[in-house]
């Protein structure tokens, strides 16, 4: 489950987390909503048929398709899943520079954020 993977990187999970998704059946399911509740995460869903509510996700998937998926043909679904997961975890999150994050990779941006909070606590 995507939620478990995200929380696996953040133990213990910080308070005040919000999980925003579209209205896909997997996110609306009772099982998923229960998992959010158990992790004390507030769920948020976009309005029906409104891609603007989910602009960050839409942008990510556009980048994924442009940079990785459209230039190639995968031999199997398993190969596709493996390559996509590696692209996300190794390249997109840890190496790819994001202009909206001050030209930092997301992992570095998040690390800097938590360090800045620690600095505020120490002050």
PDB file of N, CA and C in Angstrom:
ATOM      1  N   UNK A   1       0.851  -1.184   0.000  1.00  0.00           N
ATOM      2  CA  UNK A   1       0.000   0.000   0.000  1.00  0.00           C
ATOM      3  C   UNK A   1       0.892   1.242   0.000  1.00  0.00           C
ATOM      4  N   UNK A   2       0.536   2.205  -0.802  1.00  0.00           N
ATOM      5  CA  UNK A   2       1.295   3.447  -0.935  1.00  0.00           C
ATOM      6  C   UNK A   2       1.455   4.157   0.402  1.00  0.00           C
ATOM      7  N   UNK A   3       0.410   4.160   1.180  1.00  0.00           N
ATOM      8  CA  UNK A   3       0.441   4.819   2.485  1.00  0.00           C
ATOM      9  C   UNK A   3       1.500   4.200   3.387  1.00  0.00           C
ATOM     10  N   UNK A   4       1.554   2.881   3.434  1.00  0.00           N
ATOM     11  CA  UNK A   4       2.549   2.198   4.269  1.00  0.00           C
ATOM     12  C   UNK A   4       3.966   2.516   3.811  1.00  0.00           C
ATOM     13  N   UNK A   5       4.170   2.585   2.499  1.00  0.00           N
ATOM     14  CA  UNK A   5       5.494   2.919   1.970  1.00  0.00           C
ATOM     15  C   UNK A   5       5.903   4.323   2.385  1.00  0.00           C
ATOM     16  N   UNK A   6       4.976   5.264   2.290  1.00  0.00           N
ATOM     17  CA  UNK A   6       5.284   6.650   2.669  1.00  0.00           C
ATOM     18  C   UNK A   6       5.587   6.754   4.155  1.00  0.00           C
ATOM     19  N   UNK A   7       4.799   6.080   4.971  1.00  0.00           N
ATOM     20  CA  UNK A   7       5.021   6.143   6.418  1.00  0.00           C
ATOM     21  C   UNK A   7       6.288   5.413   6.832  1.00  0.00           C
ATOM     22  N   UNK A   8       6.688   4.419   6.061  1.00  0.00           N
ATOM     23  CA  UNK A   8       7.903   3.673   6.373  1.00  0.00           C
ATOM     24  C   UNK A   8       9.135   4.553   6.401  1.00  0.00           C
ATOM     25  N   UNK A   9       9.121   5.641   5.650  1.00  0.00           N
ATOM     26  CA  UNK A   9      10.241   6.580   5.610  1.00  0.00           C
ATOM     27  C   UNK A   9      10.182   7.600   6.734  1.00  0.00           C
ATOM     28  N   UNK A  10       9.064   7.643   7.447  1.00  0.00           N
ATOM     29  CA  UNK A  10       8.853   8.698   8.447  1.00  0.00           C
ATOM     30  C   UNK A  10       8.333   8.102   9.748  1.00  0.00           C
ATOM     31  N   UNK A  11       9.197   7.422  10.454  1.00  0.00           N
ATOM     32  CA  UNK A  11       8.785   6.835  11.737  1.00  0.00           C
ATOM     33  C   UNK A  11       9.526   7.503  12.868  1.00  0.00           C
ATOM     34  N   UNK A  12       8.842   7.985  13.876  1.00  0.00           N
ATOM     35  CA  UNK A  12       7.385   8.057  13.931  1.00  0.00           C
ATOM     36  C   UNK A  12       6.871   9.138  12.987  1.00  0.00           C
ATOM     37  N   UNK A  13       5.653   8.954  12.551  1.00  0.00           N
ATOM     38  CA  UNK A  13       5.053   9.912  11.618  1.00  0.00           C
ATOM     39  C   UNK A  13       4.827  11.246  12.314  1.00  0.00           C
ATOM     40  N   UNK A  14       5.181  12.351  11.658  1.00  0.00           N
ATOM     41  CA  UNK A  14       4.926  13.667  12.255  1.00  0.00           C
ATOM     42  C   UNK A  14       3.424  13.898  12.413  1.00  0.00           C
ATOM     43  N   UNK A  15       3.052  14.702  13.362  1.00  0.00           N
ATOM     44  CA  UNK A  15       1.631  14.990  13.558  1.00  0.00           C
ATOM     45  C   UNK A  15       1.153  15.976  12.500  1.00  0.00           C
ATOM     46  N   UNK A  16      -0.137  15.984  12.284  1.00  0.00           N
ATOM     47  CA  UNK A  16      -0.727  16.934  11.346  1.00  0.00           C
ATOM     48  C   UNK A  16      -0.583  16.554   9.886  1.00  0.00           C
ATOM     49  N   UNK A  17      -0.323  15.271   9.591  1.00  0.00           N
ATOM     50  CA  UNK A  17      -0.175  14.864   8.193  1.00  0.00           C
ATOM     51  C   UNK A  17      -1.520  14.858   7.483  1.00  0.00           C
ATOM     52  N   UNK A  18      -1.478  15.211   6.211  1.00  0.00           N
ATOM     53  CA  UNK A  18      -2.650  15.231   5.353  1.00  0.00           C
ATOM     54  C   UNK A  18      -2.334  14.390   4.130  1.00  0.00           C
ATOM     55  N   UNK A  19      -3.221  13.472   3.775  1.00  0.00           N
ATOM     56  CA  UNK A  19      -3.042  12.652   2.583  1.00  0.00           C
ATOM     57  C   UNK A  19      -4.098  13.063   1.573  1.00  0.00           C
ATOM     58  N   UNK A  20      -3.675  13.700   0.477  1.00  0.00           N
ATOM     59  CA  UNK A  20      -4.607  14.161  -0.546  1.00  0.00           C
ATOM     60  C   UNK A  20      -4.572  13.213  -1.734  1.00  0.00           C
ATOM     61  N   UNK A  21      -5.744  12.860  -2.232  1.00  0.00           N
ATOM     62  CA  UNK A  21      -5.826  11.964  -3.383  1.00  0.00           C
ATOM     63  C   UNK A  21      -7.000  12.371  -4.263  1.00  0.00           C
ATOM     64  N   UNK A  22      -7.072  11.700  -5.396  1.00  0.00           N
ATOM     65  CA  UNK A  22      -8.273  11.867  -6.208  1.00  0.00           C
ATOM     66  C   UNK A  22      -9.360  10.974  -5.606  1.00  0.00           C
ATOM     67  N   UNK A  23     -10.450  10.796  -6.307  1.00  0.00           N
ATOM     68  CA  UNK A  23     -11.566  10.016  -5.772  1.00  0.00           C
ATOM     69  C   UNK A  23     -11.522   8.560  -6.233  1.00  0.00           C
ATOM     70  N   UNK A  24     -10.328   8.063  -6.502  1.00  0.00           N
ATOM     71  CA  UNK A  24     -10.189   6.674  -6.916  1.00  0.00           C
ATOM     72  C   UNK A  24     -10.753   5.721  -5.872  1.00  0.00           C
ATOM     73  N   UNK A  25     -11.298   4.599  -6.338  1.00  0.00           N
ATOM     74  CA  UNK A  25     -11.954   3.662  -5.425  1.00  0.00           C
ATOM     75  C   UNK A  25     -11.003   3.130  -4.364  1.00  0.00           C
ATOM     76  N   UNK A  26      -9.722   2.993  -4.690  1.00  0.00           N
ATOM     77  CA  UNK A  26      -8.772   2.492  -3.697  1.00  0.00           C
ATOM     78  C   UNK A  26      -8.628   3.453  -2.528  1.00  0.00           C
ATOM     79  N   UNK A  27      -8.725   4.756  -2.779  1.00  0.00           N
ATOM     80  CA  UNK A  27      -8.579   5.750  -1.714  1.00  0.00           C
ATOM     81  C   UNK A  27      -9.879   5.959  -0.942  1.00  0.00           C
ATOM     82  N   UNK A  28     -11.003   5.700  -1.593  1.00  0.00           N
ATOM     83  CA  UNK A  28     -12.303   5.874  -0.942  1.00  0.00           C
ATOM     84  C   UNK A  28     -12.720   4.633  -0.158  1.00  0.00           C
ATOM     85  N   UNK A  29     -11.996   3.534  -0.342  1.00  0.00           N
ATOM     86  CA  UNK A  29     -12.383   2.281   0.315  1.00  0.00           C
ATOM     87  C   UNK A  29     -12.314   2.399   1.828  1.00  0.00           C
ATOM     88  N   UNK A  30     -13.154   1.624   2.482  1.00  0.00           N
ATOM     89  CA  UNK A  30     -13.169   1.602   3.942  1.00  0.00           C
ATOM     90  C   UNK A  30     -11.834   1.187   4.522  1.00  0.00           C
ATOM     91  N   UNK A  31     -11.170   0.230   3.864  1.00  0.00           N
ATOM     92  CA  UNK A  31      -9.869  -0.253   4.342  1.00  0.00           C
ATOM     93  C   UNK A  31      -8.830   0.873   4.337  1.00  0.00           C
ATOM     94  N   UNK A  32      -8.811   1.642   3.262  1.00  0.00           N
ATOM     95  CA  UNK A  32      -7.835   2.728   3.152  1.00  0.00           C
ATOM     96  C   UNK A  32      -8.139   3.839   4.147  1.00  0.00           C
ATOM     97  N   UNK A  33      -9.415   4.173   4.276  1.00  0.00           N
ATOM     98  CA  UNK A  33      -9.806   5.211   5.227  1.00  0.00           C
ATOM     99  C   UNK A  33      -9.472   4.791   6.657  1.00  0.00           C
ATOM    100  N   UNK A  34      -9.644   3.506   6.956  1.00  0.00           N
ATOM    101  CA  UNK A  34      -9.302   2.986   8.285  1.00  0.00           C
ATOM    102  C   UNK A  34      -7.795   3.086   8.523  1.00  0.00           C
ATOM    103  N   UNK A  35      -6.999   2.769   7.492  1.00  0.00           N
ATOM    104  CA  UNK A  35      -5.537   2.865   7.615  1.00  0.00           C
ATOM    105  C   UNK A  35      -5.115   4.307   7.886  1.00  0.00           C
ATOM    106  N   UNK A  36      -5.744   5.261   7.212  1.00  0.00           N
ATOM    107  CA  UNK A  36      -5.442   6.676   7.468  1.00  0.00           C
ATOM    108  C   UNK A  36      -5.773   7.039   8.911  1.00  0.00           C
ATOM    109  N   UNK A  37      -6.926   6.598   9.351  1.00  0.00           N
ATOM    110  CA  UNK A  37      -7.372   6.906  10.709  1.00  0.00           C
ATOM    111  C   UNK A  37      -6.416   6.315  11.746  1.00  0.00           C
ATOM    112  N   UNK A  38      -5.993   5.071  11.537  1.00  0.00           N
ATOM    113  CA  UNK A  38      -5.079   4.416  12.477  1.00  0.00           C
ATOM    114  C   UNK A  38      -3.735   5.124  12.536  1.00  0.00           C
ATOM    115  N   UNK A  39      -3.329   5.718  11.431  1.00  0.00           N
ATOM    116  CA  UNK A  39      -2.053   6.436  11.381  1.00  0.00           C
ATOM    117  C   UNK A  39      -2.221   7.903  11.780  1.00  0.00           C
ATOM    118  N   UNK A  40      -3.399   8.271  12.223  1.00  0.00           N
ATOM    119  CA  UNK A  40      -3.763   9.650  12.591  1.00  0.00           C
ATOM    120  C   UNK A  40      -3.428  10.653  11.479  1.00  0.00           C
ATOM    121  N   UNK A  41      -3.811  10.270  10.263  1.00  0.00           N
ATOM    122  CA  UNK A  41      -3.608  11.118   9.090  1.00  0.00           C
ATOM    123  C   UNK A  41      -4.979  11.560   8.588  1.00  0.00           C
ATOM    124  N   UNK A  42      -5.114  12.837   8.318  1.00  0.00           N
ATOM    125  CA  UNK A  42      -6.374  13.348   7.801  1.00  0.00           C
ATOM    126  C   UNK A  42      -6.434  13.111   6.293  1.00  0.00           C
ATOM    127  N   UNK A  43      -7.517  12.526   5.837  1.00  0.00           N
ATOM    128  CA  UNK A  43      -7.711  12.286   4.416  1.00  0.00           C
ATOM    129  C   UNK A  43      -8.327  13.490   3.734  1.00  0.00           C
ATOM    130  N   UNK A  44      -7.970  13.706   2.493  1.00  0.00           N
ATOM    131  CA  UNK A  44      -8.509  14.801   1.695  1.00  0.00           C
ATOM    132  C   UNK A  44      -8.671  14.289   0.273  1.00  0.00           C
ATOM    133  N   UNK A  45      -9.810  14.556  -0.327  1.00  0.00           N
ATOM    134  CA  UNK A  45     -10.043  14.117  -1.704  1.00  0.00           C
ATOM    135  C   UNK A  45     -10.421  15.303  -2.572  1.00  0.00           C
ATOM    136  N   UNK A  46      -9.963  15.247  -3.815  1.00  0.00           N
ATOM    137  CA  UNK A  46     -10.289  16.308  -4.759  1.00  0.00           C
ATOM    138  C   UNK A  46     -11.774  16.247  -5.116  1.00  0.00           C
ATOM    139  N   UNK A  47     -12.265  17.349  -5.637  1.00  0.00           N
ATOM    140  CA  UNK A  47     -13.646  17.379  -6.097  1.00  0.00           C
ATOM    141  C   UNK A  47     -13.776  16.517  -7.344  1.00  0.00           C
ATOM    142  N   UNK A  48     -14.922  15.953  -7.534  1.00  0.00           N
ATOM    143  CA  UNK A  48     -15.168  15.073  -8.674  1.00  0.00           C
ATOM    144  C   UNK A  48     -14.890  15.805  -9.990  1.00  0.00           C
ATOM    145  N   UNK A  49     -14.050  15.179 -10.827  1.00  0.00           N
ATOM    146  CA  UNK A  49     -13.777  15.709 -12.154  1.00  0.00           C
ATOM    147  C   UNK A  49     -13.011  17.013 -12.198  1.00  0.00           C
ATOM    148  N   UNK A  50     -12.295  17.348 -11.120  1.00  0.00           N
ATOM    149  CA  UNK A  50     -11.577  18.620 -11.087  1.00  0.00           C
ATOM    150  C   UNK A  50     -10.076  18.360 -10.964  1.00  0.00           C
ATOM    151  N   UNK A  51      -9.381  18.334 -12.093  1.00  0.00           N
ATOM    152  CA  UNK A  51      -7.943  18.041 -12.089  1.00  0.00           C
ATOM    153  C   UNK A  51      -7.138  19.124 -11.376  1.00  0.00           C
ATOM    154  N   UNK A  52      -7.686  20.336 -11.263  1.00  0.00           N
ATOM    155  CA  UNK A  52      -6.954  21.426 -10.612  1.00  0.00           C
ATOM    156  C   UNK A  52      -6.763  21.152  -9.125  1.00  0.00           C
ATOM    157  N   UNK A  53      -7.671  20.381  -8.513  1.00  0.00           N
ATOM    158  CA  UNK A  53      -7.528  20.029  -7.099  1.00  0.00           C
ATOM    159  C   UNK A  53      -6.331  19.119  -6.874  1.00  0.00           C
ATOM    160  N   UNK A  54      -5.913  18.456  -7.910  1.00  0.00           N
ATOM    161  CA  UNK A  54      -4.850  17.470  -7.793  1.00  0.00           C
ATOM    162  C   UNK A  54      -3.669  17.846  -8.690  1.00  0.00           C
ATOM    163  N   UNK A  55      -3.379  19.132  -8.788  1.00  0.00           N
ATOM    164  CA  UNK A  55      -2.383  19.628  -9.740  1.00  0.00           C
ATOM    165  C   UNK A  55      -0.995  19.040  -9.509  1.00  0.00           C
ATOM    166  N   UNK A  56      -0.605  18.837  -8.263  1.00  0.00           N
ATOM    167  CA  UNK A  56       0.731  18.297  -7.983  1.00  0.00           C
ATOM    168  C   UNK A  56       0.845  16.876  -8.529  1.00  0.00           C
ATOM    169  N   UNK A  57      -0.166  16.050  -8.265  1.00  0.00           N
ATOM    170  CA  UNK A  57      -0.142  14.674  -8.770  1.00  0.00           C
ATOM    171  C   UNK A  57      -0.199  14.657 -10.294  1.00  0.00           C
ATOM    172  N   UNK A  58      -1.038  15.503 -10.878  1.00  0.00           N
ATOM    173  CA  UNK A  58      -1.133  15.570 -12.336  1.00  0.00           C
ATOM    174  C   UNK A  58       0.215  15.967 -12.942  1.00  0.00           C
ATOM    175  N   UNK A  59       0.898  16.903 -12.323  1.00  0.00           N
ATOM    176  CA  UNK A  59       2.214  17.334 -12.795  1.00  0.00           C
ATOM    177  C   UNK A  59       3.224  16.196 -12.701  1.00  0.00           C
ATOM    178  N   UNK A  60       3.207  15.484 -11.564  1.00  0.00           N
ATOM    179  CA  UNK A  60       4.131  14.361 -11.384  1.00  0.00           C
ATOM    180  C   UNK A  60       3.924  13.314 -12.473  1.00  0.00           C
ATOM    181  N   UNK A  61       2.672  12.913 -12.690  1.00  0.00           N
ATOM    182  CA  UNK A  61       2.424  11.865 -13.681  1.00  0.00           C
ATOM    183  C   UNK A  61       2.740  12.344 -15.094  1.00  0.00           C
ATOM    184  N   UNK A  62       2.559  13.620 -15.367  1.00  0.00           N
ATOM    185  CA  UNK A  62       2.974  14.162 -16.658  1.00  0.00           C
ATOM    186  C   UNK A  62       4.475  14.045 -16.851  1.00  0.00           C
ATOM    187  N   UNK A  63       5.231  14.362 -15.803  1.00  0.00           N
ATOM    188  CA  UNK A  63       6.692  14.239 -15.853  1.00  0.00           C
ATOM    189  C   UNK A  63       7.105  12.783 -16.023  1.00  0.00           C
ATOM    190  N   UNK A  64       6.487  11.898 -15.274  1.00  0.00           N
ATOM    191  CA  UNK A  64       6.786  10.463 -15.373  1.00  0.00           C
ATOM    192  C   UNK A  64       6.566   9.962 -16.796  1.00  0.00           C
ATOM    193  N   UNK A  65       5.446  10.332 -17.376  1.00  0.00           N
ATOM    194  CA  UNK A  65       5.146   9.879 -18.735  1.00  0.00           C
ATOM    195  C   UNK A  65       6.122  10.464 -19.750  1.00  0.00           C
ATOM    196  N   UNK A  66       6.426  11.756 -19.622  1.00  0.00           N
ATOM    197  CA  UNK A  66       7.310  12.421 -20.585  1.00  0.00           C
ATOM    198  C   UNK A  66       8.742  11.917 -20.484  1.00  0.00           C
ATOM    199  N   UNK A  67       9.255  11.798 -19.270  1.00  0.00           N
ATOM    200  CA  UNK A  67      10.666  11.470 -19.086  1.00  0.00           C
ATOM    201  C   UNK A  67      10.964   9.975 -19.105  1.00  0.00           C
ATOM    202  N   UNK A  68       9.989   9.146 -18.750  1.00  0.00           N
ATOM    203  CA  UNK A  68      10.303   7.723 -18.601  1.00  0.00           C
ATOM    204  C   UNK A  68       9.442   6.808 -19.460  1.00  0.00           C
ATOM    205  N   UNK A  69       8.155   6.987 -19.440  1.00  0.00           N
ATOM    206  CA  UNK A  69       7.275   5.989 -20.045  1.00  0.00           C
ATOM    207  C   UNK A  69       7.181   6.120 -21.559  1.00  0.00           C
ATOM    208  N   UNK A  70       6.918   7.315 -22.066  1.00  0.00           N
ATOM    209  CA  UNK A  70       6.701   7.469 -23.508  1.00  0.00           C
ATOM    210  C   UNK A  70       7.932   7.171 -24.364  1.00  0.00           C
ATOM    211  N   UNK A  71       9.152   7.427 -23.881  1.00  0.00           N
ATOM    212  CA  UNK A  71      10.303   7.146 -24.746  1.00  0.00           C
ATOM    213  C   UNK A  71      10.629   5.657 -24.904  1.00  0.00           C
ATOM    214  N   UNK A  72       9.908   4.757 -24.218  1.00  0.00           N
ATOM    215  CA  UNK A  72      10.315   3.348 -24.277  1.00  0.00           C
ATOM    216  C   UNK A  72       9.123   2.410 -24.291  1.00  0.00           C
ATOM    217  N   UNK A  73       9.432   1.161 -24.568  1.00  0.00           N
ATOM    218  CA  UNK A  73       8.455   0.077 -24.488  1.00  0.00           C
ATOM    219  C   UNK A  73       9.006  -0.924 -23.482  1.00  0.00           C
ATOM    220  N   UNK A  74       8.207  -1.273 -22.501  1.00  0.00           N
ATOM    221  CA  UNK A  74       8.624  -2.228 -21.474  1.00  0.00           C
ATOM    222  C   UNK A  74       8.262  -3.639 -21.928  1.00  0.00           C
ATOM    223  N   UNK A  75       9.138  -4.584 -21.656  1.00  0.00           N
ATOM    224  CA  UNK A  75       8.901  -5.956 -22.112  1.00  0.00           C
ATOM    225  C   UNK A  75       7.781  -6.642 -21.339  1.00  0.00           C
ATOM    226  N   UNK A  76       7.646  -6.337 -20.053  1.00  0.00           N
ATOM    227  CA  UNK A  76       6.580  -6.918 -19.230  1.00  0.00           C
ATOM    228  C   UNK A  76       6.107  -5.880 -18.215  1.00  0.00           C
ATOM    229  N   UNK A  77       4.963  -6.148 -17.611  1.00  0.00           N
ATOM    230  CA  UNK A  77       4.475  -5.252 -16.557  1.00  0.00           C
ATOM    231  C   UNK A  77       5.416  -5.261 -15.360  1.00  0.00           C
ATOM    232  N   UNK A  78       5.980  -6.415 -15.065  1.00  0.00           N
ATOM    233  CA  UNK A  78       6.910  -6.514 -13.935  1.00  0.00           C
ATOM    234  C   UNK A  78       8.131  -5.642 -14.169  1.00  0.00           C
ATOM    235  N   UNK A  79       8.660  -5.677 -15.368  1.00  0.00           N
ATOM    236  CA  UNK A  79       9.803  -4.829 -15.716  1.00  0.00           C
ATOM    237  C   UNK A  79       9.401  -3.361 -15.607  1.00  0.00           C
ATOM    238  N   UNK A  80       8.223  -3.022 -16.105  1.00  0.00           N
ATOM    239  CA  UNK A  80       7.750  -1.630 -16.027  1.00  0.00           C
ATOM    240  C   UNK A  80       7.643  -1.178 -14.575  1.00  0.00           C
ATOM    241  N   UNK A  81       7.036  -2.005 -13.723  1.00  0.00           N
ATOM    242  CA  UNK A  81       6.897  -1.638 -12.302  1.00  0.00           C
ATOM    243  C   UNK A  81       8.258  -1.415 -11.656  1.00  0.00           C
ATOM    244  N   UNK A  82       9.194  -2.295 -11.941  1.00  0.00           N
ATOM    245  CA  UNK A  82      10.529  -2.197 -11.351  1.00  0.00           C
ATOM    246  C   UNK A  82      11.236  -0.924 -11.798  1.00  0.00           C
ATOM    247  N   UNK A  83      11.203  -0.646 -13.084  1.00  0.00           N
ATOM    248  CA  UNK A  83      11.880   0.538 -13.622  1.00  0.00           C
ATOM    249  C   UNK A  83      11.213   1.819 -13.117  1.00  0.00           C
ATOM    250  N   UNK A  84       9.887   1.837 -13.069  1.00  0.00           N
ATOM    251  CA  UNK A  84       9.177   3.025 -12.581  1.00  0.00           C
ATOM    252  C   UNK A  84       9.476   3.257 -11.105  1.00  0.00           C
ATOM    253  N   UNK A  85       9.441   2.198 -10.298  1.00  0.00           N
ATOM    254  CA  UNK A  85       9.733   2.336  -8.861  1.00  0.00           C
ATOM    255  C   UNK A  85      11.151   2.857  -8.649  1.00  0.00           C
ATOM    256  N   UNK A  86      12.102   2.341  -9.414  1.00  0.00           N
ATOM    257  CA  UNK A  86      13.490   2.804  -9.296  1.00  0.00           C
ATOM    258  C   UNK A  86      13.610   4.265  -9.726  1.00  0.00           C
ATOM    259  N   UNK A  87      12.942   4.636 -10.813  1.00  0.00           N
ATOM    260  CA  UNK A  87      12.982   6.023 -11.286  1.00  0.00           C
ATOM    261  C   UNK A  87      12.459   6.961 -10.208  1.00  0.00           C
ATOM    262  N   UNK A  88      11.360   6.586  -9.553  1.00  0.00           N
ATOM    263  CA  UNK A  88      10.776   7.435  -8.513  1.00  0.00           C
ATOM    264  C   UNK A  88      11.697   7.521  -7.304  1.00  0.00           C
ATOM    265  N   UNK A  89      12.086   6.365  -6.761  1.00  0.00           N
ATOM    266  CA  UNK A  89      12.846   6.338  -5.506  1.00  0.00           C
ATOM    267  C   UNK A  89      14.290   6.812  -5.655  1.00  0.00           C
ATOM    268  N   UNK A  90      14.936   6.439  -6.745  1.00  0.00           N
ATOM    269  CA  UNK A  90      16.355   6.779  -6.907  1.00  0.00           C
ATOM    270  C   UNK A  90      16.533   8.112  -7.626  1.00  0.00           C
ATOM    271  N   UNK A  91      15.866   8.295  -8.748  1.00  0.00           N
ATOM    272  CA  UNK A  91      16.101   9.502  -9.538  1.00  0.00           C
ATOM    273  C   UNK A  91      15.198  10.669  -9.124  1.00  0.00           C
ATOM    274  N   UNK A  92      13.883  10.506  -9.240  1.00  0.00           N
ATOM    275  CA  UNK A  92      12.959  11.626  -9.032  1.00  0.00           C
ATOM    276  C   UNK A  92      13.061  12.195  -7.620  1.00  0.00           C
ATOM    277  N   UNK A  93      13.065  11.351  -6.619  1.00  0.00           N
ATOM    278  CA  UNK A  93      13.072  11.827  -5.229  1.00  0.00           C
ATOM    279  C   UNK A  93      14.447  12.234  -4.713  1.00  0.00           C
ATOM    280  N   UNK A  94      15.519  11.663  -5.262  1.00  0.00           N
ATOM    281  CA  UNK A  94      16.847  11.876  -4.673  1.00  0.00           C
ATOM    282  C   UNK A  94      17.837  12.642  -5.554  1.00  0.00           C
ATOM    283  N   UNK A  95      17.586  12.691  -6.871  1.00  0.00           N
ATOM    284  CA  UNK A  95      18.561  13.322  -7.759  1.00  0.00           C
ATOM    285  C   UNK A  95      17.979  14.440  -8.624  1.00  0.00           C
ATOM    286  N   UNK A  96      16.760  14.261  -9.094  1.00  0.00           N
ATOM    287  CA  UNK A  96      16.177  15.230 -10.030  1.00  0.00           C
ATOM    288  C   UNK A  96      15.940  16.565  -9.332  1.00  0.00           C
ATOM    289  N   UNK A  97      16.423  17.635  -9.954  1.00  0.00           N
ATOM    290  CA  UNK A  97      16.255  18.969  -9.387  1.00  0.00           C
ATOM    291  C   UNK A  97      14.872  19.511  -9.744  1.00  0.00           C
ATOM    292  N   UNK A  98      14.200  20.094  -8.752  1.00  0.00           N
ATOM    293  CA  UNK A  98      12.839  20.603  -8.925  1.00  0.00           C
ATOM    294  C   UNK A  98      12.853  22.118  -8.742  1.00  0.00           C
ATOM    295  N   UNK A  99      12.461  22.835  -9.773  1.00  0.00           N
ATOM    296  CA  UNK A  99      12.508  24.302  -9.703  1.00  0.00           C
ATOM    297  C   UNK A  99      11.635  24.845  -8.575  1.00  0.00           C
ATOM    298  N   UNK A 100      10.497  24.211  -8.313  1.00  0.00           N
ATOM    299  CA  UNK A 100       9.607  24.707  -7.255  1.00  0.00           C
ATOM    300  C   UNK A 100      10.161  24.458  -5.858  1.00  0.00           C
ATOM    301  N   UNK A 101      11.211  23.656  -5.769  1.00  0.00           N
ATOM    302  CA  UNK A 101      11.853  23.379  -4.475  1.00  0.00           C
ATOM    303  C   UNK A 101      13.225  24.046  -4.397  1.00  0.00           C
ATOM    304  N   UNK A 102      13.410  25.115  -5.140  1.00  0.00           N
ATOM    305  CA  UNK A 102      14.687  25.815  -5.125  1.00  0.00           C
ATOM    306  C   UNK A 102      15.800  25.009  -5.775  1.00  0.00           C
ATOM    307  N   UNK A 103      15.455  24.226  -6.774  1.00  0.00           N
ATOM    308  CA  UNK A 103      16.399  23.376  -7.505  1.00  0.00           C
ATOM    309  C   UNK A 103      17.083  22.367  -6.589  1.00  0.00           C
ATOM    310  N   UNK A 104      16.298  21.794  -5.694  1.00  0.00           N
ATOM    311  CA  UNK A 104      16.750  20.703  -4.836  1.00  0.00           C
ATOM    312  C   UNK A 104      15.908  19.472  -5.133  1.00  0.00           C
ATOM    313  N   UNK A 105      16.466  18.274  -4.921  1.00  0.00           N
ATOM    314  CA  UNK A 105      15.636  17.067  -4.992  1.00  0.00           C
ATOM    315  C   UNK A 105      14.676  17.042  -3.795  1.00  0.00           C
ATOM    316  N   UNK A 106      13.510  16.411  -3.920  1.00  0.00           N
ATOM    317  CA  UNK A 106      12.540  16.390  -2.822  1.00  0.00           C
ATOM    318  C   UNK A 106      13.089  15.877  -1.494  1.00  0.00           C
ATOM    319  N   UNK A 107      13.895  14.833  -1.516  1.00  0.00           N
ATOM    320  CA  UNK A 107      14.423  14.299  -0.254  1.00  0.00           C
ATOM    321  C   UNK A 107      15.293  15.340   0.444  1.00  0.00           C
ATOM    322  N   UNK A 108      16.142  16.027  -0.310  1.00  0.00           N
ATOM    323  CA  UNK A 108      16.998  17.053   0.290  1.00  0.00           C
ATOM    324  C   UNK A 108      16.165  18.226   0.802  1.00  0.00           C
ATOM    325  N   UNK A 109      15.145  18.618   0.037  1.00  0.00           N
ATOM    326  CA  UNK A 109      14.269  19.706   0.468  1.00  0.00           C
ATOM    327  C   UNK A 109      13.584  19.353   1.785  1.00  0.00           C
ATOM    328  N   UNK A 110      13.080  18.131   1.880  1.00  0.00           N
ATOM    329  CA  UNK A 110      12.413  17.706   3.113  1.00  0.00           C
ATOM    330  C   UNK A 110      13.401  17.633   4.274  1.00  0.00           C
ATOM    331  N   UNK A 111      14.592  17.093   4.026  1.00  0.00           N
ATOM    332  CA  UNK A 111      15.616  17.050   5.084  1.00  0.00           C
ATOM    333  C   UNK A 111      15.924  18.455   5.594  1.00  0.00           C
ATOM    334  N   UNK A 112      16.077  19.405   4.673  1.00  0.00           N
ATOM    335  CA  UNK A 112      16.343  20.795   5.067  1.00  0.00           C
ATOM    336  C   UNK A 112      15.196  21.362   5.900  1.00  0.00           C
ATOM    337  N   UNK A 113      13.981  21.013   5.529  1.00  0.00           N
ATOM    338  CA  UNK A 113      12.811  21.479   6.275  1.00  0.00           C
ATOM    339  C   UNK A 113      12.862  20.986   7.719  1.00  0.00           C
ATOM    340  N   UNK A 114      13.101  19.686   7.906  1.00  0.00           N
ATOM    341  CA  UNK A 114      13.134  19.136   9.272  1.00  0.00           C
ATOM    342  C   UNK A 114      14.298  19.717  10.064  1.00  0.00           C
ATOM    343  N   UNK A 115      15.433  19.942   9.407  1.00  0.00           N
ATOM    344  CA  UNK A 115      16.571  20.558  10.096  1.00  0.00           C
ATOM    345  C   UNK A 115      16.246  21.988  10.518  1.00  0.00           C
ATOM    346  N   UNK A 116      15.518  22.713   9.679  1.00  0.00           N
ATOM    347  CA  UNK A 116      15.153  24.087  10.043  1.00  0.00           C
ATOM    348  C   UNK A 116      14.214  24.097  11.245  1.00  0.00           C
ATOM    349  N   UNK A 117      13.339  23.110  11.350  1.00  0.00           N
ATOM    350  CA  UNK A 117      12.458  23.024  12.518  1.00  0.00           C
ATOM    351  C   UNK A 117      13.257  22.711  13.777  1.00  0.00           C
ATOM    352  N   UNK A 118      14.254  21.852  13.638  1.00  0.00           N
ATOM    353  CA  UNK A 118      15.116  21.541  14.787  1.00  0.00           C
ATOM    354  C   UNK A 118      15.855  22.793  15.235  1.00  0.00           C
ATOM    355  N   UNK A 119      16.295  23.604  14.267  1.00  0.00           N
ATOM    356  CA  UNK A 119      16.974  24.858  14.593  1.00  0.00           C
ATOM    357  C   UNK A 119      16.064  25.816  15.334  1.00  0.00           C
ATOM    358  N   UNK A 120      14.791  25.830  14.964  1.00  0.00           N
ATOM    359  CA  UNK A 120      13.832  26.692  15.659  1.00  0.00           C
ATOM    360  C   UNK A 120      13.613  26.225  17.094  1.00  0.00           C
ATOM    361  N   UNK A 121      13.593  24.904  17.286  1.00  0.00           N
ATOM    362  CA  UNK A 121      13.407  24.366  18.635  1.00  0.00           C
ATOM    363  C   UNK A 121      14.598  24.697  19.525  1.00  0.00           C
ATOM    364  N   UNK A 122      15.809  24.668  18.926  1.00  0.00           N
ATOM    365  CA  UNK A 122      17.029  24.923  19.700  1.00  0.00           C
ATOM    366  C   UNK A 122      17.169  26.399  20.055  1.00  0.00           C
ATOM    367  N   UNK A 123      16.560  27.256  19.271  1.00  0.00           N
ATOM    368  CA  UNK A 123      16.703  28.707  19.491  1.00  0.00           C
ATOM    369  C   UNK A 123      15.907  29.204  20.668  1.00  0.00           C
TER     370      UNK A 123
END
